Amino acid sequence: MRLLGISGRDAFEGLLEGNAFMMRKLRLMRARQSMNTPGNHVAGLDELEREIAMLDFHTDIWPPREEWSARLVGCDDWSTKQLVSLHLTWYQGCEDPFARLSEHISKLDVATQGKRIPMDLD
């Protein structure tokens, strides 16, 4: 597995109004939409759904501020000349993104969750 790129951003950037509960609902909606595209995975959806179910609409506990995404590729099968490509997204507080990336990858079956793409052998 190779890391092609990793980037982070302030997930609250551009937020003019809203509350902590609605921020979580919006994240969940975007994550589900993203995961409809083959090769996309958003880590932590089960935890997010549990938070939404437990929290009051007027909660003042904000979700993690940082949104990270990584592009990964692995050589899955030389006989079929295909690669597996995965775009992984996750949210976290102020912590090491590479440690979290490693943690998320260890829990994934990249071969089934990634998108198969032909190798460019030219």
N, C-alpha and C. Protein backbone atom coordinates (compact mmCIF):
# COMPACT_ATOMS: atom_id res chain seq x y z
N MET A 1 0.85 -1.17 0.00
CA MET A 1 0.00 0.00 0.00
C MET A 1 0.89 1.23 0.00
N ARG A 2 0.62 2.14 -0.91
CA ARG A 2 1.37 3.41 -0.98
C ARG A 2 0.44 4.58 -0.69
N LEU A 3 0.99 5.54 0.00
CA LEU A 3 0.26 6.78 0.29
C LEU A 3 0.58 7.77 -0.83
N LEU A 4 -0.42 8.13 -1.62
CA LEU A 4 -0.22 9.09 -2.70
C LEU A 4 -0.34 10.52 -2.21
N GLY A 5 -1.10 10.72 -1.15
CA GLY A 5 -1.27 12.06 -0.62
C GLY A 5 -2.13 12.06 0.62
N ILE A 6 -1.89 13.05 1.46
CA ILE A 6 -2.69 13.23 2.66
C ILE A 6 -2.89 14.73 2.84
N SER A 7 -4.10 15.12 3.21
CA SER A 7 -4.35 16.55 3.43
C SER A 7 -5.37 16.72 4.54
N GLY A 8 -5.24 17.83 5.23
CA GLY A 8 -6.16 18.15 6.31
C GLY A 8 -6.73 19.54 6.13
N ARG A 9 -7.87 19.75 6.72
CA ARG A 9 -8.50 21.07 6.66
C ARG A 9 -9.34 21.29 7.90
N ASP A 10 -9.66 22.54 8.15
CA ASP A 10 -10.55 22.90 9.25
C ASP A 10 -11.97 22.59 8.80
N ALA A 11 -12.58 21.61 9.44
CA ALA A 11 -13.92 21.18 9.04
C ALA A 11 -14.99 22.24 9.29
N PHE A 12 -14.67 23.23 10.12
CA PHE A 12 -15.64 24.29 10.40
C PHE A 12 -15.43 25.52 9.50
N GLU A 13 -14.47 25.43 8.61
CA GLU A 13 -14.18 26.55 7.70
C GLU A 13 -15.43 26.89 6.89
N GLY A 14 -15.77 28.15 6.86
CA GLY A 14 -16.93 28.61 6.11
C GLY A 14 -18.26 28.45 6.83
N LEU A 15 -18.24 27.90 8.03
CA LEU A 15 -19.47 27.72 8.80
C LEU A 15 -19.92 29.06 9.35
N LEU A 16 -21.07 29.52 8.90
CA LEU A 16 -21.58 30.80 9.35
C LEU A 16 -22.53 30.66 10.54
N GLU A 17 -23.28 29.60 10.54
CA GLU A 17 -24.18 29.36 11.66
C GLU A 17 -24.49 27.88 11.72
N GLY A 18 -25.07 27.47 12.80
CA GLY A 18 -25.38 26.06 13.00
C GLY A 18 -25.09 25.68 14.43
N ASN A 19 -25.25 24.41 14.72
CA ASN A 19 -24.94 23.95 16.07
C ASN A 19 -24.20 22.62 15.98
N ALA A 20 -23.73 22.16 17.11
CA ALA A 20 -22.91 20.96 17.16
C ALA A 20 -23.68 19.72 16.67
N PHE A 21 -24.96 19.64 17.00
CA PHE A 21 -25.77 18.50 16.58
C PHE A 21 -25.93 18.48 15.06
N MET A 22 -26.28 19.64 14.50
CA MET A 22 -26.48 19.71 13.05
C MET A 22 -25.18 19.48 12.28
N MET A 23 -24.05 19.87 12.86
CA MET A 23 -22.76 19.61 12.22
C MET A 23 -22.56 18.10 12.06
N ARG A 24 -22.92 17.35 13.10
CA ARG A 24 -22.80 15.89 13.04
C ARG A 24 -23.74 15.30 11.99
N LYS A 25 -24.97 15.80 11.95
CA LYS A 25 -25.93 15.31 10.96
C LYS A 25 -25.44 15.59 9.54
N LEU A 26 -24.89 16.77 9.33
CA LEU A 26 -24.35 17.12 8.02
C LEU A 26 -23.18 16.22 7.65
N ARG A 27 -22.29 15.94 8.60
CA ARG A 27 -21.17 15.03 8.35
C ARG A 27 -21.66 13.65 7.95
N LEU A 28 -22.66 13.17 8.66
CA LEU A 28 -23.19 11.85 8.37
C LEU A 28 -23.80 11.80 6.96
N MET A 29 -24.55 12.82 6.61
CA MET A 29 -25.16 12.89 5.29
C MET A 29 -24.08 12.91 4.20
N ARG A 30 -23.06 13.75 4.38
CA ARG A 30 -21.97 13.83 3.39
C ARG A 30 -21.20 12.52 3.30
N ALA A 31 -20.97 11.88 4.45
CA ALA A 31 -20.22 10.62 4.47
C ALA A 31 -20.97 9.54 3.72
N ARG A 32 -22.25 9.43 3.96
CA ARG A 32 -23.06 8.41 3.25
C ARG A 32 -23.05 8.67 1.75
N GLN A 33 -23.16 9.93 1.37
CA GLN A 33 -23.13 10.28 -0.04
C GLN A 33 -21.77 9.94 -0.64
N SER A 34 -20.69 10.24 0.05
CA SER A 34 -19.35 9.95 -0.42
C SER A 34 -19.13 8.45 -0.59
N MET A 35 -19.64 7.66 0.34
CA MET A 35 -19.42 6.22 0.29
C MET A 35 -20.23 5.52 -0.79
N ASN A 36 -21.12 6.25 -1.46
CA ASN A 36 -21.82 5.70 -2.61
C ASN A 36 -20.90 5.59 -3.82
N THR A 37 -19.77 6.30 -3.77
CA THR A 37 -18.79 6.25 -4.86
C THR A 37 -17.79 5.14 -4.56
N PRO A 38 -17.60 4.19 -5.47
CA PRO A 38 -16.64 3.11 -5.24
C PRO A 38 -15.25 3.66 -4.93
N GLY A 39 -14.60 3.06 -3.95
CA GLY A 39 -13.25 3.47 -3.58
C GLY A 39 -13.20 4.55 -2.51
N ASN A 40 -14.34 5.06 -2.08
CA ASN A 40 -14.39 6.06 -1.00
C ASN A 40 -14.79 5.39 0.30
N HIS A 41 -14.11 5.77 1.36
CA HIS A 41 -14.46 5.25 2.69
C HIS A 41 -14.32 6.38 3.70
N VAL A 42 -15.31 6.50 4.56
CA VAL A 42 -15.27 7.48 5.66
C VAL A 42 -15.21 6.70 6.96
N ALA A 43 -14.12 6.87 7.69
CA ALA A 43 -13.93 6.15 8.95
C ALA A 43 -14.74 6.80 10.07
N GLY A 44 -15.25 5.98 10.96
CA GLY A 44 -15.93 6.48 12.15
C GLY A 44 -17.43 6.71 12.02
N LEU A 45 -18.05 6.17 10.98
CA LEU A 45 -19.50 6.40 10.80
C LEU A 45 -20.34 5.77 11.90
N ASP A 46 -19.96 4.58 12.35
CA ASP A 46 -20.74 3.94 13.42
C ASP A 46 -20.72 4.78 14.69
N GLU A 47 -19.54 5.31 15.04
CA GLU A 47 -19.42 6.16 16.21
C GLU A 47 -20.24 7.43 16.06
N LEU A 48 -20.20 8.01 14.86
CA LEU A 48 -20.96 9.23 14.59
C LEU A 48 -22.46 8.98 14.72
N GLU A 49 -22.93 7.87 14.19
CA GLU A 49 -24.35 7.54 14.31
C GLU A 49 -24.75 7.36 15.77
N ARG A 50 -23.89 6.71 16.57
CA ARG A 50 -24.18 6.55 18.00
C ARG A 50 -24.23 7.90 18.71
N GLU A 51 -23.29 8.78 18.38
CA GLU A 51 -23.29 10.13 18.99
C GLU A 51 -24.59 10.86 18.69
N ILE A 52 -25.00 10.83 17.44
CA ILE A 52 -26.22 11.52 17.03
C ILE A 52 -27.42 10.96 17.79
N ALA A 53 -27.48 9.65 17.95
CA ALA A 53 -28.60 9.02 18.67
C ALA A 53 -28.62 9.40 20.15
N MET A 54 -27.44 9.62 20.73
CA MET A 54 -27.36 9.89 22.17
C MET A 54 -27.45 11.37 22.52
N LEU A 55 -27.01 12.24 21.64
CA LEU A 55 -26.92 13.67 21.98
C LEU A 55 -28.25 14.40 21.83
N ASP A 56 -28.42 15.40 22.65
CA ASP A 56 -29.55 16.30 22.56
C ASP A 56 -29.30 17.30 21.43
N PHE A 57 -30.37 17.75 20.78
CA PHE A 57 -30.24 18.71 19.68
C PHE A 57 -29.49 19.96 20.11
N HIS A 58 -29.62 20.36 21.33
CA HIS A 58 -29.01 21.61 21.82
C HIS A 58 -27.66 21.39 22.49
N THR A 59 -27.00 20.29 22.20
CA THR A 59 -25.70 20.01 22.81
C THR A 59 -24.69 21.11 22.47
N ASP A 60 -23.78 21.36 23.39
CA ASP A 60 -22.72 22.32 23.12
C ASP A 60 -21.37 21.60 22.98
N ILE A 61 -21.40 20.29 22.81
CA ILE A 61 -20.18 19.49 22.59
C ILE A 61 -19.97 19.36 21.09
N TRP A 62 -18.95 20.05 20.59
CA TRP A 62 -18.69 20.06 19.15
C TRP A 62 -17.91 18.82 18.73
N PRO A 63 -18.13 18.36 17.51
CA PRO A 63 -17.36 17.21 17.01
C PRO A 63 -15.92 17.63 16.70
N PRO A 64 -15.04 16.67 16.46
CA PRO A 64 -13.65 17.01 16.14
C PRO A 64 -13.58 18.00 14.97
N ARG A 65 -12.63 18.91 15.08
CA ARG A 65 -12.54 20.02 14.14
C ARG A 65 -11.80 19.70 12.85
N GLU A 66 -10.83 18.78 12.90
CA GLU A 66 -9.99 18.51 11.73
C GLU A 66 -10.60 17.42 10.84
N GLU A 67 -10.63 17.69 9.54
CA GLU A 67 -11.03 16.69 8.55
C GLU A 67 -9.79 16.32 7.75
N TRP A 68 -9.50 15.04 7.68
CA TRP A 68 -8.33 14.54 6.96
C TRP A 68 -8.76 13.60 5.86
N SER A 69 -8.02 13.60 4.77
CA SER A 69 -8.27 12.62 3.71
C SER A 69 -6.93 12.15 3.17
N ALA A 70 -6.92 10.90 2.76
CA ALA A 70 -5.71 10.28 2.22
C ALA A 70 -6.08 9.50 0.98
N ARG A 71 -5.19 9.53 0.01
CA ARG A 71 -5.32 8.72 -1.19
C ARG A 71 -4.28 7.61 -1.11
N LEU A 72 -4.77 6.38 -1.20
CA LEU A 72 -3.90 5.21 -1.09
C LEU A 72 -4.05 4.35 -2.33
N VAL A 73 -2.97 3.69 -2.69
CA VAL A 73 -3.02 2.77 -3.82
C VAL A 73 -2.15 1.56 -3.50
N GLY A 74 -2.60 0.42 -3.92
CA GLY A 74 -1.84 -0.81 -3.69
C GLY A 74 -1.88 -1.66 -4.94
N CYS A 75 -0.84 -2.43 -5.14
CA CYS A 75 -0.79 -3.34 -6.27
C CYS A 75 -1.47 -4.63 -5.83
N ASP A 76 -2.67 -4.82 -6.30
CA ASP A 76 -3.46 -5.95 -5.84
C ASP A 76 -3.15 -7.23 -6.60
N ASP A 77 -3.05 -7.14 -7.91
CA ASP A 77 -2.93 -8.37 -8.69
C ASP A 77 -2.20 -8.09 -10.00
N TRP A 78 -0.95 -8.56 -10.06
CA TRP A 78 -0.17 -8.37 -11.28
C TRP A 78 -0.73 -9.18 -12.44
N SER A 79 -1.35 -10.32 -12.17
CA SER A 79 -1.86 -11.16 -13.25
C SER A 79 -2.99 -10.47 -14.01
N THR A 80 -3.80 -9.67 -13.30
CA THR A 80 -4.89 -8.94 -13.97
C THR A 80 -4.51 -7.49 -14.26
N LYS A 81 -3.31 -7.11 -13.83
CA LYS A 81 -2.79 -5.75 -14.05
C LYS A 81 -3.75 -4.68 -13.50
N GLN A 82 -4.17 -4.90 -12.24
CA GLN A 82 -5.07 -3.95 -11.60
C GLN A 82 -4.47 -3.46 -10.28
N LEU A 83 -4.78 -2.21 -9.97
CA LEU A 83 -4.43 -1.60 -8.69
C LEU A 83 -5.70 -1.43 -7.88
N VAL A 84 -5.54 -1.29 -6.59
CA VAL A 84 -6.66 -0.95 -5.72
C VAL A 84 -6.43 0.47 -5.22
N SER A 85 -7.40 1.33 -5.46
CA SER A 85 -7.31 2.74 -5.07
C SER A 85 -8.36 3.00 -3.98
N LEU A 86 -7.94 3.73 -2.95
CA LEU A 86 -8.85 4.04 -1.85
C LEU A 86 -8.69 5.49 -1.43
N HIS A 87 -9.80 6.19 -1.31
CA HIS A 87 -9.82 7.56 -0.77
C HIS A 87 -10.46 7.46 0.60
N LEU A 88 -9.67 7.69 1.63
CA LEU A 88 -10.10 7.55 3.02
C LEU A 88 -10.25 8.92 3.66
N THR A 89 -11.36 9.15 4.33
CA THR A 89 -11.63 10.40 5.04
C THR A 89 -11.93 10.08 6.50
N TRP A 90 -11.46 10.96 7.40
CA TRP A 90 -11.76 10.82 8.82
C TRP A 90 -11.69 12.18 9.50
N TYR A 91 -12.28 12.25 10.68
CA TYR A 91 -12.27 13.47 11.50
C TYR A 91 -11.51 13.17 12.78
N GLN A 92 -10.80 14.17 13.27
CA GLN A 92 -10.04 14.00 14.50
C GLN A 92 -9.79 15.34 15.15
N GLY A 93 -9.39 15.26 16.42
CA GLY A 93 -8.95 16.44 17.14
C GLY A 93 -7.51 16.73 16.78
N CYS A 94 -6.87 17.54 17.56
CA CYS A 94 -5.48 17.92 17.31
C CYS A 94 -4.56 16.78 17.74
N GLU A 95 -4.29 15.87 16.81
CA GLU A 95 -3.43 14.72 17.07
C GLU A 95 -2.70 14.35 15.79
N ASP A 96 -1.84 13.36 15.86
CA ASP A 96 -1.01 12.95 14.73
C ASP A 96 -1.87 12.28 13.65
N PRO A 97 -1.98 12.88 12.47
CA PRO A 97 -2.81 12.29 11.42
C PRO A 97 -2.25 10.98 10.87
N PHE A 98 -0.92 10.82 10.90
CA PHE A 98 -0.34 9.59 10.38
C PHE A 98 -0.63 8.40 11.30
N ALA A 99 -0.66 8.65 12.60
CA ALA A 99 -1.02 7.59 13.54
C ALA A 99 -2.48 7.18 13.33
N ARG A 100 -3.35 8.16 13.14
CA ARG A 100 -4.77 7.85 12.90
C ARG A 100 -4.96 7.15 11.56
N LEU A 101 -4.23 7.59 10.54
CA LEU A 101 -4.30 6.94 9.23
C LEU A 101 -3.92 5.46 9.37
N SER A 102 -2.83 5.20 10.05
CA SER A 102 -2.38 3.83 10.26
C SER A 102 -3.44 3.00 11.00
N GLU A 103 -4.05 3.60 12.00
CA GLU A 103 -5.10 2.94 12.77
C GLU A 103 -6.29 2.58 11.88
N HIS A 104 -6.70 3.53 11.05
CA HIS A 104 -7.85 3.29 10.16
C HIS A 104 -7.54 2.22 9.12
N ILE A 105 -6.36 2.28 8.54
CA ILE A 105 -5.98 1.29 7.51
C ILE A 105 -5.96 -0.11 8.10
N SER A 106 -5.49 -0.24 9.34
CA SER A 106 -5.41 -1.56 9.96
C SER A 106 -6.78 -2.20 10.15
N LYS A 107 -7.83 -1.39 10.17
CA LYS A 107 -9.19 -1.90 10.38
C LYS A 107 -9.93 -2.16 9.06
N LEU A 108 -9.32 -1.77 7.93
CA LEU A 108 -10.01 -1.87 6.64
C LEU A 108 -9.56 -3.10 5.86
N ASP A 109 -10.48 -3.63 5.07
CA ASP A 109 -10.13 -4.61 4.06
C ASP A 109 -10.05 -3.84 2.75
N VAL A 110 -8.85 -3.33 2.49
CA VAL A 110 -8.65 -2.43 1.36
C VAL A 110 -9.01 -3.13 0.05
N ALA A 111 -8.74 -4.41 -0.06
CA ALA A 111 -9.00 -5.13 -1.31
C ALA A 111 -10.48 -5.12 -1.69
N THR A 112 -11.38 -5.14 -0.68
CA THR A 112 -12.80 -5.12 -0.99
C THR A 112 -13.40 -3.72 -0.95
N GLN A 113 -12.80 -2.81 -0.18
CA GLN A 113 -13.36 -1.47 -0.08
C GLN A 113 -12.75 -0.49 -1.08
N GLY A 114 -11.63 -0.88 -1.67
CA GLY A 114 -11.01 -0.02 -2.66
C GLY A 114 -11.62 -0.22 -4.03
N LYS A 115 -11.28 0.67 -4.91
CA LYS A 115 -11.76 0.63 -6.29
C LYS A 115 -10.65 0.05 -7.15
N ARG A 116 -10.97 -0.92 -7.98
CA ARG A 116 -9.98 -1.52 -8.87
C ARG A 116 -9.82 -0.65 -10.11
N ILE A 117 -8.57 -0.35 -10.42
CA ILE A 117 -8.26 0.47 -11.59
C ILE A 117 -7.15 -0.24 -12.37
N PRO A 118 -7.14 -0.08 -13.70
CA PRO A 118 -6.07 -0.73 -14.47
C PRO A 118 -4.72 -0.06 -14.21
N MET A 119 -3.67 -0.88 -14.21
CA MET A 119 -2.31 -0.35 -14.06
C MET A 119 -1.92 0.35 -15.35
N ASP A 120 -1.17 1.40 -15.22
CA ASP A 120 -0.61 2.10 -16.39
C ASP A 120 0.82 1.60 -16.56
N LEU A 121 1.02 0.67 -17.48
CA LEU A 121 2.32 0.05 -17.65
C LEU A 121 3.14 0.66 -18.78
N ASP A 122 2.64 1.73 -19.37
CA ASP A 122 3.39 2.40 -20.45
C ASP A 122 4.48 3.28 -19.93
